Amino acid sequence: MKPSFKGREAIVNDKPVNEYFLTQKASANLNLREVPGVLKAENYGFAIRKGDDKLRARLDKVLDEIRADGTYDKIYAKWFGGNK
């Protein structure tokens, strides 16, 4: 998808969206820069049905494993252009 800014002078997105966009070739011809600071911080997570302890434990285990073996950092670098 080719971005079209058509006269816009600023764009506000979630940080992961901006980080990904800045890694793409389409952004190379644009004069883009990140403004320091955070407008609003939001946390994201998984929604799990109440009482589904088995699924919660499984997700926790997998997240711990991918953080420990470096997979999380590889995924983050691939999609957002750096380590978190």
N, C-alpha and C. Protein backbone atom coordinates (compact mmCIF):
# COMPACT_ATOMS: atom_id res chain seq x y z
N MET A 1 0.84 -1.18 0.00
CA MET A 1 0.00 0.00 0.00
C MET A 1 0.89 1.24 0.00
N LYS A 2 0.65 2.13 -0.93
CA LYS A 2 1.41 3.37 -1.01
C LYS A 2 0.70 4.44 -0.19
N PRO A 3 1.41 5.10 0.72
CA PRO A 3 0.76 6.13 1.54
C PRO A 3 0.43 7.37 0.72
N SER A 4 -0.64 8.01 1.08
CA SER A 4 -1.03 9.25 0.42
C SER A 4 -1.34 10.28 1.51
N PHE A 5 -0.51 11.31 1.59
CA PHE A 5 -0.69 12.31 2.64
C PHE A 5 -1.40 13.56 2.13
N LYS A 6 -1.42 13.80 0.84
CA LYS A 6 -2.19 14.87 0.19
C LYS A 6 -2.34 16.14 1.02
N GLY A 7 -1.24 16.81 1.29
CA GLY A 7 -1.29 18.09 1.98
C GLY A 7 -1.27 18.02 3.49
N ARG A 8 -1.30 16.85 4.04
CA ARG A 8 -1.26 16.74 5.50
C ARG A 8 0.14 17.06 5.99
N GLU A 9 0.23 17.74 7.10
CA GLU A 9 1.53 18.10 7.66
C GLU A 9 1.88 17.27 8.88
N ALA A 10 0.93 16.52 9.40
CA ALA A 10 1.20 15.69 10.57
C ALA A 10 0.26 14.49 10.57
N ILE A 11 0.76 13.41 11.11
CA ILE A 11 -0.04 12.20 11.26
C ILE A 11 0.22 11.66 12.66
N VAL A 12 -0.83 11.27 13.33
CA VAL A 12 -0.70 10.68 14.66
C VAL A 12 -1.20 9.24 14.58
N ASN A 13 -0.34 8.32 14.94
CA ASN A 13 -0.67 6.90 14.97
C ASN A 13 -0.14 6.30 16.25
N ASP A 14 -0.48 5.04 16.47
CA ASP A 14 0.15 4.29 17.55
C ASP A 14 1.62 4.13 17.24
N LYS A 15 2.45 4.13 18.27
CA LYS A 15 3.90 4.02 18.09
C LYS A 15 4.30 2.80 17.25
N PRO A 16 3.75 1.61 17.49
CA PRO A 16 4.14 0.47 16.65
C PRO A 16 3.82 0.67 15.17
N VAL A 17 2.71 1.34 14.88
CA VAL A 17 2.36 1.62 13.49
C VAL A 17 3.41 2.54 12.87
N ASN A 18 3.77 3.59 13.58
CA ASN A 18 4.78 4.53 13.07
C ASN A 18 6.14 3.86 12.92
N GLU A 19 6.53 3.05 13.90
CA GLU A 19 7.83 2.37 13.83
C GLU A 19 7.89 1.46 12.61
N TYR A 20 6.80 0.74 12.35
CA TYR A 20 6.77 -0.14 11.18
C TYR A 20 6.83 0.69 9.90
N PHE A 21 6.03 1.74 9.82
CA PHE A 21 6.00 2.57 8.61
C PHE A 21 7.37 3.14 8.30
N LEU A 22 8.10 3.56 9.32
CA LEU A 22 9.42 4.15 9.10
C LEU A 22 10.44 3.14 8.58
N THR A 23 10.14 1.84 8.71
CA THR A 23 11.05 0.82 8.16
C THR A 23 10.76 0.53 6.70
N GLN A 24 9.70 1.07 6.15
CA GLN A 24 9.28 0.76 4.78
C GLN A 24 9.88 1.75 3.78
N LYS A 25 10.12 1.26 2.57
CA LYS A 25 10.71 2.09 1.51
C LYS A 25 9.84 3.30 1.18
N ALA A 26 8.53 3.15 1.31
CA ALA A 26 7.62 4.26 0.98
C ALA A 26 7.90 5.50 1.82
N SER A 27 8.45 5.32 3.00
CA SER A 27 8.70 6.47 3.87
C SER A 27 10.02 7.17 3.54
N ALA A 28 10.85 6.57 2.70
CA ALA A 28 12.19 7.11 2.42
C ALA A 28 12.14 8.48 1.75
N ASN A 29 11.14 8.74 0.93
CA ASN A 29 11.05 10.00 0.19
C ASN A 29 10.29 11.09 0.95
N LEU A 30 9.90 10.79 2.15
CA LEU A 30 9.13 11.75 2.94
C LEU A 30 10.01 12.32 4.05
N ASN A 31 9.76 13.54 4.41
CA ASN A 31 10.51 14.17 5.49
C ASN A 31 9.79 13.88 6.80
N LEU A 32 10.05 12.69 7.35
CA LEU A 32 9.35 12.26 8.55
C LEU A 32 10.27 12.30 9.75
N ARG A 33 9.70 12.63 10.88
CA ARG A 33 10.46 12.56 12.13
C ARG A 33 9.47 12.33 13.27
N GLU A 34 9.99 11.72 14.30
CA GLU A 34 9.17 11.44 15.47
C GLU A 34 9.25 12.63 16.42
N VAL A 35 8.12 13.05 16.90
CA VAL A 35 8.06 14.12 17.89
C VAL A 35 8.25 13.47 19.25
N PRO A 36 9.18 13.98 20.06
CA PRO A 36 9.42 13.36 21.36
C PRO A 36 8.21 13.45 22.28
N GLY A 37 8.12 12.48 23.15
CA GLY A 37 7.03 12.47 24.11
C GLY A 37 5.91 11.54 23.68
N VAL A 38 5.02 11.31 24.59
CA VAL A 38 3.89 10.42 24.35
C VAL A 38 2.62 11.22 24.58
N LEU A 39 1.72 11.17 23.60
CA LEU A 39 0.45 11.87 23.78
C LEU A 39 -0.44 11.12 24.77
N LYS A 40 -0.47 9.81 24.60
CA LYS A 40 -1.28 8.98 25.49
C LYS A 40 -0.73 7.56 25.44
N ALA A 41 -0.41 7.01 26.58
CA ALA A 41 0.09 5.64 26.64
C ALA A 41 -1.08 4.69 26.85
N GLU A 42 -1.09 3.61 26.07
CA GLU A 42 -2.12 2.59 26.20
C GLU A 42 -1.46 1.23 26.32
N ASN A 43 -1.99 0.40 27.15
CA ASN A 43 -1.50 -0.96 27.27
C ASN A 43 -2.39 -1.89 26.46
N TYR A 44 -1.80 -2.89 25.89
CA TYR A 44 -2.54 -3.87 25.11
C TYR A 44 -2.35 -5.24 25.73
N GLY A 45 -3.27 -6.12 25.49
CA GLY A 45 -3.16 -7.46 26.04
C GLY A 45 -4.10 -8.42 25.33
N PHE A 46 -4.16 -9.60 25.85
CA PHE A 46 -5.05 -10.63 25.32
C PHE A 46 -6.31 -10.68 26.16
N ALA A 47 -7.44 -10.88 25.51
CA ALA A 47 -8.69 -11.10 26.22
C ALA A 47 -8.93 -12.61 26.28
N ILE A 48 -9.13 -13.11 27.48
CA ILE A 48 -9.33 -14.54 27.69
C ILE A 48 -10.62 -14.71 28.49
N ARG A 49 -11.39 -15.69 28.08
CA ARG A 49 -12.65 -15.94 28.77
C ARG A 49 -12.39 -16.17 30.27
N LYS A 50 -13.20 -15.55 31.10
CA LYS A 50 -13.07 -15.68 32.55
C LYS A 50 -13.11 -17.16 32.93
N GLY A 51 -12.15 -17.54 33.76
CA GLY A 51 -12.09 -18.91 34.23
C GLY A 51 -11.31 -19.86 33.33
N ASP A 52 -10.82 -19.36 32.19
CA ASP A 52 -10.04 -20.22 31.29
C ASP A 52 -8.57 -20.19 31.70
N ASP A 53 -8.32 -20.76 32.86
CA ASP A 53 -6.97 -20.76 33.42
C ASP A 53 -5.98 -21.55 32.57
N LYS A 54 -6.48 -22.57 31.90
CA LYS A 54 -5.61 -23.40 31.05
C LYS A 54 -5.05 -22.56 29.89
N LEU A 55 -5.91 -21.80 29.22
CA LEU A 55 -5.45 -20.96 28.11
C LEU A 55 -4.53 -19.85 28.62
N ARG A 56 -4.89 -19.22 29.74
CA ARG A 56 -4.04 -18.16 30.30
C ARG A 56 -2.65 -18.69 30.63
N ALA A 57 -2.60 -19.86 31.25
CA ALA A 57 -1.31 -20.45 31.60
C ALA A 57 -0.50 -20.78 30.35
N ARG A 58 -1.18 -21.26 29.33
CA ARG A 58 -0.50 -21.59 28.07
C ARG A 58 0.08 -20.34 27.41
N LEU A 59 -0.71 -19.26 27.35
CA LEU A 59 -0.22 -17.99 26.78
C LEU A 59 0.95 -17.44 27.59
N ASP A 60 0.83 -17.45 28.91
CA ASP A 60 1.92 -16.97 29.76
C ASP A 60 3.20 -17.76 29.51
N LYS A 61 3.07 -19.08 29.38
CA LYS A 61 4.23 -19.94 29.16
C LYS A 61 4.89 -19.62 27.82
N VAL A 62 4.09 -19.50 26.78
CA VAL A 62 4.64 -19.22 25.45
C VAL A 62 5.30 -17.85 25.42
N LEU A 63 4.68 -16.85 26.02
CA LEU A 63 5.29 -15.51 26.06
C LEU A 63 6.61 -15.53 26.83
N ASP A 64 6.66 -16.24 27.93
CA ASP A 64 7.91 -16.37 28.69
C ASP A 64 8.99 -17.04 27.84
N GLU A 65 8.60 -18.09 27.11
CA GLU A 65 9.56 -18.83 26.28
C GLU A 65 10.12 -17.98 25.15
N ILE A 66 9.25 -17.24 24.46
CA ILE A 66 9.75 -16.46 23.32
C ILE A 66 10.57 -15.26 23.77
N ARG A 67 10.31 -14.77 24.96
CA ARG A 67 11.18 -13.71 25.50
C ARG A 67 12.54 -14.29 25.88
N ALA A 68 12.54 -15.47 26.49
CA ALA A 68 13.78 -16.08 26.97
C ALA A 68 14.69 -16.52 25.83
N ASP A 69 14.11 -17.02 24.72
CA ASP A 69 14.96 -17.55 23.64
C ASP A 69 15.26 -16.53 22.54
N GLY A 70 14.78 -15.29 22.70
CA GLY A 70 15.09 -14.25 21.73
C GLY A 70 14.10 -14.12 20.58
N THR A 71 13.12 -15.01 20.51
CA THR A 71 12.14 -14.97 19.42
C THR A 71 11.35 -13.67 19.45
N TYR A 72 10.97 -13.22 20.64
CA TYR A 72 10.20 -11.97 20.76
C TYR A 72 10.97 -10.81 20.14
N ASP A 73 12.26 -10.69 20.47
CA ASP A 73 13.07 -9.60 19.92
C ASP A 73 13.20 -9.70 18.41
N LYS A 74 13.30 -10.92 17.88
CA LYS A 74 13.39 -11.10 16.42
C LYS A 74 12.10 -10.65 15.73
N ILE A 75 10.97 -11.03 16.31
CA ILE A 75 9.68 -10.62 15.74
C ILE A 75 9.55 -9.11 15.81
N TYR A 76 9.90 -8.53 16.94
CA TYR A 76 9.81 -7.08 17.11
C TYR A 76 10.70 -6.37 16.09
N ALA A 77 11.92 -6.86 15.93
CA ALA A 77 12.86 -6.24 14.98
C ALA A 77 12.34 -6.35 13.55
N LYS A 78 11.76 -7.48 13.20
CA LYS A 78 11.24 -7.67 11.84
C LYS A 78 10.13 -6.67 11.53
N TRP A 79 9.20 -6.49 12.45
CA TRP A 79 8.03 -5.67 12.17
C TRP A 79 8.18 -4.21 12.56
N PHE A 80 9.06 -3.90 13.52
CA PHE A 80 9.17 -2.52 13.99
C PHE A 80 10.56 -1.94 13.84
N GLY A 81 11.51 -2.71 13.31
CA GLY A 81 12.82 -2.17 12.96
C GLY A 81 13.80 -2.00 14.09
N GLY A 82 13.64 -2.67 15.19
CA GLY A 82 14.60 -2.57 16.28
C GLY A 82 14.16 -3.42 17.44
N ASN A 83 15.01 -3.51 18.43
CA ASN A 83 14.67 -4.27 19.63
C ASN A 83 13.91 -3.41 20.61
N LYS A 84 12.99 -4.03 21.29
CA LYS A 84 12.21 -3.32 22.31
C LYS A 84 12.95 -3.36 23.60
